Amino acid sequence: MPERFRLEVVYFMTPTDRPNAPSLAAQEYWIEPANVAQWLDDGVFSVVSPLDAESVAEIELTDDQERWLEWMKRHSIDRVRIDRS
C-alpha cells in the first residue's frame, strides 16, 4: 500500500463501541466485513466532517483502496495493524 494508507485507514475503521466489536491492540483497526462489501458494491465510502456531523461526503474508492478492500474480503480479514516505526 502507498504510504498515505497509514492516514487513510481511519476512513475505513469501524467504531469500537459497536456491538460485537473486538478488543484491539494499539494501532489496530477493525473493519467490519459488511462495510467492506458495501464499499466495494457502491465504489464509494462516506466521510463525516469533523466540524459538522451532518455534513457527509461520498468519496470514490481509489484503485489502491479497492484492491485492498478486495484483498480483505477475499481473505476474510477484519482487522489490520499499522506499524508506525
PDB file of N, CA and C in Angstrom:
ATOM      1  N   MET A   1       0.842  -1.180   0.000  1.00  0.00           N
ATOM      2  CA  MET A   1       0.000   0.000   0.000  1.00  0.00           C
ATOM      3  C   MET A   1       0.883   1.238   0.000  1.00  0.00           C
ATOM      4  N   PRO A   2       0.395   2.301  -0.602  1.00  0.00           N
ATOM      5  CA  PRO A   2       1.148   3.553  -0.568  1.00  0.00           C
ATOM      6  C   PRO A   2       1.275   4.079   0.862  1.00  0.00           C
ATOM      7  N   GLU A   3       2.251   4.917   1.086  1.00  0.00           N
ATOM      8  CA  GLU A   3       2.495   5.481   2.421  1.00  0.00           C
ATOM      9  C   GLU A   3       1.261   6.212   2.957  1.00  0.00           C
ATOM     10  N   ARG A   4       0.509   6.864   2.090  1.00  0.00           N
ATOM     11  CA  ARG A   4      -0.664   7.616   2.552  1.00  0.00           C
ATOM     12  C   ARG A   4      -1.713   6.712   3.197  1.00  0.00           C
ATOM     13  N   PHE A   5      -1.612   5.394   2.949  1.00  0.00           N
ATOM     14  CA  PHE A   5      -2.557   4.451   3.543  1.00  0.00           C
ATOM     15  C   PHE A   5      -2.548   4.542   5.060  1.00  0.00           C
ATOM     16  N   ARG A   6      -1.402   4.844   5.645  1.00  0.00           N
ATOM     17  CA  ARG A   6      -1.328   4.962   7.108  1.00  0.00           C
ATOM     18  C   ARG A   6      -2.308   6.009   7.622  1.00  0.00           C
ATOM     19  N   LEU A   7      -2.578   7.013   6.814  1.00  0.00           N
ATOM     20  CA  LEU A   7      -3.533   8.047   7.198  1.00  0.00           C
ATOM     21  C   LEU A   7      -4.955   7.684   6.785  1.00  0.00           C
ATOM     22  N   GLU A   8      -5.096   7.000   5.682  1.00  0.00           N
ATOM     23  CA  GLU A   8      -6.419   6.701   5.133  1.00  0.00           C
ATOM     24  C   GLU A   8      -7.138   5.546   5.825  1.00  0.00           C
ATOM     25  N   VAL A   9      -6.414   4.679   6.505  1.00  0.00           N
ATOM     26  CA  VAL A   9      -7.062   3.512   7.110  1.00  0.00           C
ATOM     27  C   VAL A   9      -8.167   3.933   8.080  1.00  0.00           C
ATOM     28  N   VAL A  10      -8.042   5.091   8.697  1.00  0.00           N
ATOM     29  CA  VAL A  10      -9.070   5.539   9.642  1.00  0.00           C
ATOM     30  C   VAL A  10     -10.406   5.799   8.955  1.00  0.00           C
ATOM     31  N   TYR A  11     -10.412   6.048   7.647  1.00  0.00           N
ATOM     32  CA  TYR A  11     -11.675   6.230   6.928  1.00  0.00           C
ATOM     33  C   TYR A  11     -12.494   4.944   6.915  1.00  0.00           C
ATOM     34  N   PHE A  12     -11.828   3.818   7.046  1.00  0.00           N
ATOM     35  CA  PHE A  12     -12.474   2.521   6.895  1.00  0.00           C
ATOM     36  C   PHE A  12     -12.713   1.802   8.227  1.00  0.00           C
ATOM     37  N   MET A  13     -12.145   2.298   9.303  1.00  0.00           N
ATOM     38  CA  MET A  13     -12.284   1.590  10.577  1.00  0.00           C
ATOM     39  C   MET A  13     -13.715   1.670  11.087  1.00  0.00           C
ATOM     40  N   THR A  14     -14.137   0.606  11.735  1.00  0.00           N
ATOM     41  CA  THR A  14     -15.450   0.552  12.358  1.00  0.00           C
ATOM     42  C   THR A  14     -15.277   0.974  13.806  1.00  0.00           C
ATOM     43  N   PRO A  15     -16.136   1.864  14.315  1.00  0.00           N
ATOM     44  CA  PRO A  15     -16.013   2.289  15.711  1.00  0.00           C
ATOM     45  C   PRO A  15     -16.062   1.095  16.668  1.00  0.00           C
ATOM     46  N   THR A  16     -15.233   1.142  17.674  1.00  0.00           N
ATOM     47  CA  THR A  16     -15.131   0.014  18.612  1.00  0.00           C
ATOM     48  C   THR A  16     -16.266  -0.024  19.628  1.00  0.00           C
ATOM     49  N   ASP A  17     -17.174   0.954  19.589  1.00  0.00           N
ATOM     50  CA  ASP A  17     -18.317   0.907  20.504  1.00  0.00           C
ATOM     51  C   ASP A  17     -19.513   0.176  19.889  1.00  0.00           C
ATOM     52  N   ARG A  18     -19.327  -0.403  18.720  1.00  0.00           N
ATOM     53  CA  ARG A  18     -20.393  -1.152  18.057  1.00  0.00           C
ATOM     54  C   ARG A  18     -20.556  -2.526  18.715  1.00  0.00           C
ATOM     55  N   PRO A  19     -21.762  -3.086  18.641  1.00  0.00           N
ATOM     56  CA  PRO A  19     -21.953  -4.448  19.162  1.00  0.00           C
ATOM     57  C   PRO A  19     -20.996  -5.423  18.465  1.00  0.00           C
ATOM     58  N   ASN A  20     -20.492  -6.357  19.203  1.00  0.00           N
ATOM     59  CA  ASN A  20     -19.580  -7.393  18.709  1.00  0.00           C
ATOM     60  C   ASN A  20     -18.213  -6.866  18.292  1.00  0.00           C
ATOM     61  N   ALA A  21     -17.887  -5.656  18.678  1.00  0.00           N
ATOM     62  CA  ALA A  21     -16.564  -5.114  18.348  1.00  0.00           C
ATOM     63  C   ALA A  21     -15.496  -5.878  19.136  1.00  0.00           C
ATOM     64  N   PRO A  22     -14.420  -6.273  18.479  1.00  0.00           N
ATOM     65  CA  PRO A  22     -13.365  -6.999  19.178  1.00  0.00           C
ATOM     66  C   PRO A  22     -12.485  -6.050  19.994  1.00  0.00           C
ATOM     67  N   SER A  23     -11.771  -6.615  20.943  1.00  0.00           N
ATOM     68  CA  SER A  23     -10.764  -5.839  21.667  1.00  0.00           C
ATOM     69  C   SER A  23      -9.578  -5.655  20.723  1.00  0.00           C
ATOM     70  N   LEU A  24      -9.048  -4.450  20.694  1.00  0.00           N
ATOM     71  CA  LEU A  24      -7.966  -4.157  19.764  1.00  0.00           C
ATOM     72  C   LEU A  24      -6.709  -3.704  20.492  1.00  0.00           C
ATOM     73  N   ALA A  25      -5.584  -4.036  19.917  1.00  0.00           N
ATOM     74  CA  ALA A  25      -4.299  -3.570  20.431  1.00  0.00           C
ATOM     75  C   ALA A  25      -4.044  -2.166  19.898  1.00  0.00           C
ATOM     76  N   ALA A  26      -2.987  -1.561  20.383  1.00  0.00           N
ATOM     77  CA  ALA A  26      -2.597  -0.234  19.896  1.00  0.00           C
ATOM     78  C   ALA A  26      -2.335  -0.293  18.394  1.00  0.00           C
ATOM     79  N   GLN A  27      -2.756   0.722  17.694  1.00  0.00           N
ATOM     80  CA  GLN A  27      -2.570   0.850  16.242  1.00  0.00           C
ATOM     81  C   GLN A  27      -3.254  -0.261  15.438  1.00  0.00           C
ATOM     82  N   GLU A  28      -4.252  -0.877  16.046  1.00  0.00           N
ATOM     83  CA  GLU A  28      -5.008  -1.915  15.346  1.00  0.00           C
ATOM     84  C   GLU A  28      -6.388  -1.364  15.019  1.00  0.00           C
ATOM     85  N   TYR A  29      -6.897  -1.712  13.840  1.00  0.00           N
ATOM     86  CA  TYR A  29      -8.167  -1.192  13.361  1.00  0.00           C
ATOM     87  C   TYR A  29      -9.074  -2.345  12.958  1.00  0.00           C
ATOM     88  N   TRP A  30     -10.339  -2.232  13.342  1.00  0.00           N
ATOM     89  CA  TRP A  30     -11.348  -3.217  12.973  1.00  0.00           C
ATOM     90  C   TRP A  30     -12.146  -2.662  11.806  1.00  0.00           C
ATOM     91  N   ILE A  31     -12.294  -3.452  10.770  1.00  0.00           N
ATOM     92  CA  ILE A  31     -13.072  -3.072   9.599  1.00  0.00           C
ATOM     93  C   ILE A  31     -14.136  -4.136   9.412  1.00  0.00           C
ATOM     94  N   GLU A  32     -15.365  -3.774   9.691  1.00  0.00           N
ATOM     95  CA  GLU A  32     -16.468  -4.733   9.650  1.00  0.00           C
ATOM     96  C   GLU A  32     -16.687  -5.251   8.220  1.00  0.00           C
ATOM     97  N   PRO A  33     -16.715  -6.570   8.039  1.00  0.00           N
ATOM     98  CA  PRO A  33     -16.857  -7.152   6.702  1.00  0.00           C
ATOM     99  C   PRO A  33     -18.074  -6.654   5.918  1.00  0.00           C
ATOM    100  N   ALA A  34     -19.183  -6.399   6.593  1.00  0.00           N
ATOM    101  CA  ALA A  34     -20.373  -5.897   5.885  1.00  0.00           C
ATOM    102  C   ALA A  34     -20.091  -4.530   5.253  1.00  0.00           C
ATOM    103  N   ASN A  35     -19.287  -3.721   5.933  1.00  0.00           N
ATOM    104  CA  ASN A  35     -18.922  -2.411   5.380  1.00  0.00           C
ATOM    105  C   ASN A  35     -18.026  -2.574   4.157  1.00  0.00           C
ATOM    106  N   VAL A  36     -17.096  -3.509   4.240  1.00  0.00           N
ATOM    107  CA  VAL A  36     -16.196  -3.768   3.106  1.00  0.00           C
ATOM    108  C   VAL A  36     -17.021  -4.131   1.871  1.00  0.00           C
ATOM    109  N   ALA A  37     -17.967  -5.030   2.044  1.00  0.00           N
ATOM    110  CA  ALA A  37     -18.818  -5.447   0.925  1.00  0.00           C
ATOM    111  C   ALA A  37     -19.614  -4.265   0.373  1.00  0.00           C
ATOM    112  N   GLN A  38     -20.136  -3.429   1.258  1.00  0.00           N
ATOM    113  CA  GLN A  38     -20.926  -2.276   0.813  1.00  0.00           C
ATOM    114  C   GLN A  38     -20.067  -1.277   0.040  1.00  0.00           C
ATOM    115  N   TRP A  39     -18.863  -0.983   0.536  1.00  0.00           N
ATOM    116  CA  TRP A  39     -17.980  -0.040  -0.167  1.00  0.00           C
ATOM    117  C   TRP A  39     -17.604  -0.570  -1.548  1.00  0.00           C
ATOM    118  N   LEU A  40     -17.326  -1.858  -1.616  1.00  0.00           N
ATOM    119  CA  LEU A  40     -16.988  -2.437  -2.917  1.00  0.00           C
ATOM    120  C   LEU A  40     -18.179  -2.394  -3.872  1.00  0.00           C
ATOM    121  N   ASP A  41     -19.370  -2.676  -3.367  1.00  0.00           N
ATOM    122  CA  ASP A  41     -20.570  -2.622  -4.209  1.00  0.00           C
ATOM    123  C   ASP A  41     -20.844  -1.202  -4.704  1.00  0.00           C
ATOM    124  N   ASP A  42     -20.687  -0.228  -3.793  1.00  0.00           N
ATOM    125  CA  ASP A  42     -21.003   1.165  -4.121  1.00  0.00           C
ATOM    126  C   ASP A  42     -19.867   1.880  -4.861  1.00  0.00           C
ATOM    127  N   GLY A  43     -18.629   1.436  -4.619  1.00  0.00           N
ATOM    128  CA  GLY A  43     -17.476   2.111  -5.204  1.00  0.00           C
ATOM    129  C   GLY A  43     -17.123   3.411  -4.513  1.00  0.00           C
ATOM    130  N   VAL A  44     -17.755   3.673  -3.371  1.00  0.00           N
ATOM    131  CA  VAL A  44     -17.516   4.893  -2.603  1.00  0.00           C
ATOM    132  C   VAL A  44     -17.552   4.573  -1.113  1.00  0.00           C
ATOM    133  N   PHE A  45     -17.001   5.492  -0.321  1.00  0.00           N
ATOM    134  CA  PHE A  45     -17.146   5.428   1.129  1.00  0.00           C
ATOM    135  C   PHE A  45     -17.525   6.825   1.598  1.00  0.00           C
ATOM    136  N   SER A  46     -18.112   6.919   2.775  1.00  0.00           N
ATOM    137  CA  SER A  46     -18.576   8.200   3.307  1.00  0.00           C
ATOM    138  C   SER A  46     -17.638   8.706   4.383  1.00  0.00           C
ATOM    139  N   VAL A  47     -17.454  10.024   4.396  1.00  0.00           N
ATOM    140  CA  VAL A  47     -16.643  10.681   5.408  1.00  0.00           C
ATOM    141  C   VAL A  47     -17.498  11.776   6.039  1.00  0.00           C
ATOM    142  N   VAL A  48     -17.557  11.769   7.365  1.00  0.00           N
ATOM    143  CA  VAL A  48     -18.310  12.776   8.103  1.00  0.00           C
ATOM    144  C   VAL A  48     -17.356  13.898   8.482  1.00  0.00           C
ATOM    145  N   SER A  49     -17.796  15.121   8.281  1.00  0.00           N
ATOM    146  CA  SER A  49     -16.975  16.283   8.626  1.00  0.00           C
ATOM    147  C   SER A  49     -16.750  16.337  10.131  1.00  0.00           C
ATOM    148  N   PRO A  50     -15.501  16.567  10.562  1.00  0.00           N
ATOM    149  CA  PRO A  50     -15.257  16.699  11.999  1.00  0.00           C
ATOM    150  C   PRO A  50     -15.830  18.003  12.564  1.00  0.00           C
ATOM    151  N   LEU A  51     -16.188  18.938  11.695  1.00  0.00           N
ATOM    152  CA  LEU A  51     -16.727  20.217  12.132  1.00  0.00           C
ATOM    153  C   LEU A  51     -18.248  20.260  12.154  1.00  0.00           C
ATOM    154  N   ASP A  52     -18.873  19.370  11.381  1.00  0.00           N
ATOM    155  CA  ASP A  52     -20.326  19.364  11.276  1.00  0.00           C
ATOM    156  C   ASP A  52     -20.795  17.942  10.997  1.00  0.00           C
ATOM    157  N   ALA A  53     -21.314  17.282  12.013  1.00  0.00           N
ATOM    158  CA  ALA A  53     -21.692  15.870  11.889  1.00  0.00           C
ATOM    159  C   ALA A  53     -22.770  15.629  10.839  1.00  0.00           C
ATOM    160  N   GLU A  54     -23.458  16.665  10.405  1.00  0.00           N
ATOM    161  CA  GLU A  54     -24.485  16.498   9.386  1.00  0.00           C
ATOM    162  C   GLU A  54     -23.918  16.587   7.974  1.00  0.00           C
ATOM    163  N   SER A  55     -22.669  17.011   7.856  1.00  0.00           N
ATOM    164  CA  SER A  55     -22.031  17.111   6.539  1.00  0.00           C
ATOM    165  C   SER A  55     -21.286  15.826   6.236  1.00  0.00           C
ATOM    166  N   VAL A  56     -21.787  15.096   5.250  1.00  0.00           N
ATOM    167  CA  VAL A  56     -21.207  13.819   4.858  1.00  0.00           C
ATOM    168  C   VAL A  56     -20.830  13.903   3.380  1.00  0.00           C
ATOM    169  N   ALA A  57     -19.620  13.482   3.074  1.00  0.00           N
ATOM    170  CA  ALA A  57     -19.168  13.451   1.684  1.00  0.00           C
ATOM    171  C   ALA A  57     -18.954  12.011   1.263  1.00  0.00           C
ATOM    172  N   GLU A  58     -19.337  11.695   0.041  1.00  0.00           N
ATOM    173  CA  GLU A  58     -19.044  10.388  -0.527  1.00  0.00           C
ATOM    174  C   GLU A  58     -17.804  10.529  -1.395  1.00  0.00           C
ATOM    175  N   ILE A  59     -16.836   9.664  -1.156  1.00  0.00           N
ATOM    176  CA  ILE A  59     -15.564   9.721  -1.864  1.00  0.00           C
ATOM    177  C   ILE A  59     -15.380   8.426  -2.643  1.00  0.00           C
ATOM    178  N   GLU A  60     -15.046   8.562  -3.909  1.00  0.00           N
ATOM    179  CA  GLU A  60     -14.834   7.386  -4.753  1.00  0.00           C
ATOM    180  C   GLU A  60     -13.578   6.641  -4.308  1.00  0.00           C
ATOM    181  N   LEU A  61     -13.666   5.315  -4.286  1.00  0.00           N
ATOM    182  CA  LEU A  61     -12.512   4.495  -3.932  1.00  0.00           C
ATOM    183  C   LEU A  61     -11.407   4.667  -4.970  1.00  0.00           C
ATOM    184  N   THR A  62     -10.176   4.771  -4.492  1.00  0.00           N
ATOM    185  CA  THR A  62      -9.049   4.763  -5.412  1.00  0.00           C
ATOM    186  C   THR A  62      -8.783   3.317  -5.824  1.00  0.00           C
ATOM    187  N   ASP A  63      -7.983   3.130  -6.848  1.00  0.00           N
ATOM    188  CA  ASP A  63      -7.636   1.769  -7.264  1.00  0.00           C
ATOM    189  C   ASP A  63      -6.951   1.017  -6.129  1.00  0.00           C
ATOM    190  N   ASP A  64      -6.042   1.684  -5.402  1.00  0.00           N
ATOM    191  CA  ASP A  64      -5.341   1.046  -4.280  1.00  0.00           C
ATOM    192  C   ASP A  64      -6.317   0.645  -3.185  1.00  0.00           C
ATOM    193  N   GLN A  65      -7.242   1.534  -2.847  1.00  0.00           N
ATOM    194  CA  GLN A  65      -8.217   1.227  -1.804  1.00  0.00           C
ATOM    195  C   GLN A  65      -9.109   0.054  -2.226  1.00  0.00           C
ATOM    196  N   GLU A  66      -9.517   0.052  -3.475  1.00  0.00           N
ATOM    197  CA  GLU A  66     -10.368  -1.032  -3.966  1.00  0.00           C
ATOM    198  C   GLU A  66      -9.633  -2.371  -3.923  1.00  0.00           C
ATOM    199  N   ARG A  67      -8.371  -2.388  -4.351  1.00  0.00           N
ATOM    200  CA  ARG A  67      -7.582  -3.642  -4.293  1.00  0.00           C
ATOM    201  C   ARG A  67      -7.427  -4.114  -2.854  1.00  0.00           C
ATOM    202  N   TRP A  68      -7.175  -3.185  -1.944  1.00  0.00           N
ATOM    203  CA  TRP A  68      -7.015  -3.538  -0.534  1.00  0.00           C
ATOM    204  C   TRP A  68      -8.308  -4.117   0.023  1.00  0.00           C
ATOM    205  N   LEU A  69      -9.442  -3.488  -0.258  1.00  0.00           N
ATOM    206  CA  LEU A  69     -10.728  -3.995   0.232  1.00  0.00           C
ATOM    207  C   LEU A  69     -11.057  -5.356  -0.374  1.00  0.00           C
ATOM    208  N   GLU A  70     -10.755  -5.542  -1.648  1.00  0.00           N
ATOM    209  CA  GLU A  70     -10.979  -6.848  -2.280  1.00  0.00           C
ATOM    210  C   GLU A  70     -10.107  -7.916  -1.624  1.00  0.00           C
ATOM    211  N   TRP A  71      -8.870  -7.565  -1.298  1.00  0.00           N
ATOM    212  CA  TRP A  71      -7.963  -8.495  -0.617  1.00  0.00           C
ATOM    213  C   TRP A  71      -8.517  -8.856   0.757  1.00  0.00           C
ATOM    214  N   MET A  72      -9.005  -7.847   1.505  1.00  0.00           N
ATOM    215  CA  MET A  72      -9.586  -8.112   2.823  1.00  0.00           C
ATOM    216  C   MET A  72     -10.779  -9.059   2.705  1.00  0.00           C
ATOM    217  N   LYS A  73     -11.640  -8.802   1.740  1.00  0.00           N
ATOM    218  CA  LYS A  73     -12.836  -9.640   1.563  1.00  0.00           C
ATOM    219  C   LYS A  73     -12.447 -11.058   1.160  1.00  0.00           C
ATOM    220  N   ARG A  74     -11.537 -11.175   0.210  1.00  0.00           N
ATOM    221  CA  ARG A  74     -11.123 -12.494  -0.293  1.00  0.00           C
ATOM    222  C   ARG A  74     -10.510 -13.352   0.813  1.00  0.00           C
ATOM    223  N   HIS A  75      -9.775 -12.729   1.742  1.00  0.00           N
ATOM    224  CA  HIS A  75      -9.084 -13.466   2.799  1.00  0.00           C
ATOM    225  C   HIS A  75      -9.796 -13.398   4.154  1.00  0.00           C
ATOM    226  N   SER A  76     -11.012 -12.874   4.161  1.00  0.00           N
ATOM    227  CA  SER A  76     -11.822 -12.771   5.394  1.00  0.00           C
ATOM    228  C   SER A  76     -11.073 -12.063   6.514  1.00  0.00           C
ATOM    229  N   ILE A  77     -10.434 -10.970   6.180  1.00  0.00           N
ATOM    230  CA  ILE A  77      -9.682 -10.181   7.169  1.00  0.00           C
ATOM    231  C   ILE A  77     -10.589  -9.074   7.683  1.00  0.00           C
ATOM    232  N   ASP A  78     -10.635  -8.899   9.010  1.00  0.00           N
ATOM    233  CA  ASP A  78     -11.478  -7.850   9.563  1.00  0.00           C
ATOM    234  C   ASP A  78     -10.723  -6.883  10.479  1.00  0.00           C
ATOM    235  N   ARG A  79      -9.420  -7.048  10.585  1.00  0.00           N
ATOM    236  CA  ARG A  79      -8.626  -6.069  11.325  1.00  0.00           C
ATOM    237  C   ARG A  79      -7.220  -5.959  10.769  1.00  0.00           C
ATOM    238  N   VAL A  80      -6.686  -4.780  10.915  1.00  0.00           N
ATOM    239  CA  VAL A  80      -5.321  -4.515  10.446  1.00  0.00           C
ATOM    240  C   VAL A  80      -4.576  -3.767  11.530  1.00  0.00           C
ATOM    241  N   ARG A  81      -3.275  -3.924  11.519  1.00  0.00           N
ATOM    242  CA  ARG A  81      -2.412  -3.200  12.458  1.00  0.00           C
ATOM    243  C   ARG A  81      -1.414  -2.405  11.634  1.00  0.00           C
ATOM    244  N   ILE A  82      -1.267  -1.149  11.987  1.00  0.00           N
ATOM    245  CA  ILE A  82      -0.334  -0.279  11.288  1.00  0.00           C
ATOM    246  C   ILE A  82       0.880  -0.053  12.168  1.00  0.00           C
ATOM    247  N   ASP A  83       2.030  -0.491  11.695  1.00  0.00           N
ATOM    248  CA  ASP A  83       3.279  -0.285  12.406  1.00  0.00           C
ATOM    249  C   ASP A  83       3.830   1.067  11.977  1.00  0.00           C
ATOM    250  N   ARG A  84       3.905   1.996  12.887  1.00  0.00           N
ATOM    251  CA  ARG A  84       4.326   3.357  12.561  1.00  0.00           C
ATOM    252  C   ARG A  84       5.818   3.579  12.758  1.00  0.00           C
ATOM    253  N   SER A  85       6.585   2.523  12.912  1.00  0.00           N
ATOM    254  CA  SER A  85       8.017   2.710  13.115  1.00  0.00           C
ATOM    255  C   SER A  85       8.761   2.803  11.800  1.00  0.00           C
TER     256      SER A  85
END
